[in-house]
């Protein structure tokens, strides 16, 4: 939720080992996310690290409580010596986005006095 509008737009994936960015295909086909459209995938903050940032198309409604399954597509990433042989599904993802106010109403309770 990079723009604080209550809609998931990013998922940060932490892998068990560093990947070689130059030997990996990091784009909108690297991962699938249940219920969302992946618009891009980029490497972490530093080269050849174990972080991948998935950018999603927002759903159109508040969904920061969602924890969708994430699938790493086979042969898309590599540690420099081998690539993932089959799709890997990550279940039990966690929600670390803070709550966001998406609507508010005011109440005038002084009854006109």
Protein backbone atom coordinates (compact mmCIF):
# COMPACT_ATOMS: atom_id res chain seq x y z
CA UNK A 1 0.00 0.00 0.00
CA UNK A 2 2.49 2.59 -1.15
CA UNK A 3 -0.02 5.43 -1.61
CA UNK A 4 -2.04 4.93 1.60
CA UNK A 5 -5.43 4.56 -0.12
CA UNK A 6 -6.40 1.25 1.51
CA UNK A 7 -5.70 -0.85 -1.59
CA UNK A 8 -2.88 -3.36 -1.97
CA UNK A 9 -0.48 -2.18 -4.68
CA UNK A 10 2.79 -3.87 -3.66
CA UNK A 11 3.99 -7.12 -2.14
CA UNK A 12 7.56 -7.49 -0.91
CA UNK A 13 8.82 -11.07 -1.24
CA UNK A 14 11.80 -12.24 0.83
CA UNK A 15 13.44 -15.32 -0.67
CA UNK A 16 15.50 -17.93 1.18
CA UNK A 17 18.63 -17.02 -0.76
CA UNK A 18 19.96 -14.23 -2.93
CA UNK A 19 19.08 -14.25 -6.61
CA UNK A 20 21.29 -13.15 -9.47
CA UNK A 21 19.45 -10.25 -11.05
CA UNK A 22 21.15 -10.66 -14.45
CA UNK A 23 20.16 -14.35 -14.63
CA UNK A 24 16.56 -13.74 -13.58
CA UNK A 25 13.48 -12.61 -15.49
CA UNK A 26 11.96 -9.89 -13.33
CA UNK A 27 8.79 -8.56 -14.96
CA UNK A 28 5.02 -8.90 -14.79
CA UNK A 29 5.23 -12.66 -15.55
CA UNK A 30 7.62 -13.62 -12.72
CA UNK A 31 4.87 -13.94 -10.11
CA UNK A 32 1.11 -14.37 -10.08
CA UNK A 33 -0.99 -13.11 -7.18
CA UNK A 34 -4.44 -14.60 -6.57
CA UNK A 35 -7.14 -12.01 -7.31
CA UNK A 36 -4.75 -9.34 -8.62
CA UNK A 37 -3.00 -8.32 -11.82
CA UNK A 38 0.78 -8.11 -11.53
CA UNK A 39 1.97 -5.01 -13.38
CA UNK A 40 5.71 -5.35 -12.67
CA UNK A 41 8.36 -7.06 -10.59
CA UNK A 42 11.64 -5.45 -9.58
CA UNK A 43 14.70 -6.46 -7.63
CA UNK A 44 15.27 -5.40 -4.07
CA UNK A 45 17.06 -2.28 -2.92
CA UNK A 46 20.50 -3.71 -3.72
CA UNK A 47 21.78 -5.85 -6.59
CA UNK A 48 21.66 -9.64 -6.24
CA UNK A 49 19.83 -9.65 -2.91
CA UNK A 50 16.98 -11.87 -1.67
CA UNK A 51 14.18 -9.28 -2.05
CA UNK A 52 11.71 -8.87 -4.91
CA UNK A 53 9.02 -6.20 -5.06
CA UNK A 54 5.82 -7.14 -6.88
CA UNK A 55 3.74 -4.19 -8.13
CA UNK A 56 0.01 -4.82 -8.47
CA UNK A 57 -2.87 -3.09 -10.21
CA UNK A 58 -5.13 -1.85 -7.41
CA UNK A 59 -8.42 -3.72 -6.97
CA UNK A 60 -10.64 -0.65 -6.83
CA UNK A 61 -11.78 -1.15 -3.23
CA UNK A 62 -10.24 -1.33 0.23
CA UNK A 63 -8.43 -4.65 0.63
CA UNK A 64 -5.51 -4.19 3.00
CA UNK A 65 -6.80 -7.08 5.10
CA UNK A 66 -6.31 -9.49 2.18
CA UNK A 67 -3.43 -11.98 2.26
CA UNK A 68 -3.45 -13.43 -1.27
CA UNK A 69 -1.46 -16.47 -2.34
CA UNK A 70 1.65 -15.59 -4.35
CA UNK A 71 3.07 -17.94 -6.99
CA UNK A 72 6.66 -17.75 -8.18
CA UNK A 73 6.62 -19.01 -11.77
CA UNK A 74 9.16 -21.73 -12.65
CA UNK A 75 12.45 -20.79 -14.35
CA UNK A 76 11.98 -17.04 -13.79
CA UNK A 77 14.61 -16.48 -11.09
CA UNK A 78 18.07 -17.91 -10.58
CA UNK A 79 20.73 -17.92 -7.89
CA UNK A 80 23.38 -17.90 -10.62
CA UNK A 81 23.76 -21.66 -10.84
CA UNK A 82 20.19 -22.95 -11.17
CA UNK A 83 16.65 -21.74 -11.71
CA UNK A 84 13.50 -22.81 -9.92
CA UNK A 85 12.30 -26.03 -11.58
CA UNK A 86 8.57 -25.73 -10.86
CA UNK A 87 6.06 -23.13 -9.72
CA UNK A 88 6.21 -22.38 -6.00
CA UNK A 89 3.10 -21.15 -4.14
CA UNK A 90 3.44 -19.01 -1.03
CA UNK A 91 0.41 -19.30 1.25
CA UNK A 92 -0.15 -17.63 4.59
CA UNK A 93 1.17 -14.28 3.44
CA UNK A 94 1.10 -11.60 6.12
CA UNK A 95 -0.41 -8.14 6.11
CA UNK A 96 1.97 -5.48 7.42
CA UNK A 97 0.14 -2.44 6.03
CA UNK A 98 -1.30 -0.11 8.66
CA UNK A 99 -5.03 0.65 8.62
CA UNK A 100 -6.12 3.42 6.27
CA UNK A 101 -9.11 5.73 6.61
CA UNK A 102 -11.11 5.36 3.40
CA UNK A 103 -14.21 7.34 4.43
CA UNK A 104 -15.28 9.62 7.28
CA UNK A 105 -18.49 11.39 8.28
CA UNK A 106 -18.98 14.23 10.71
CA UNK A 107 -21.80 14.59 13.19
CA UNK A 108 -23.18 17.86 14.48
CA UNK A 109 -24.62 16.86 17.85
CA UNK A 110 -25.15 20.28 19.42
CA UNK A 111 -28.76 20.30 18.14
CA UNK A 112 -28.50 23.79 16.70
CA UNK A 113 -27.48 25.50 19.93
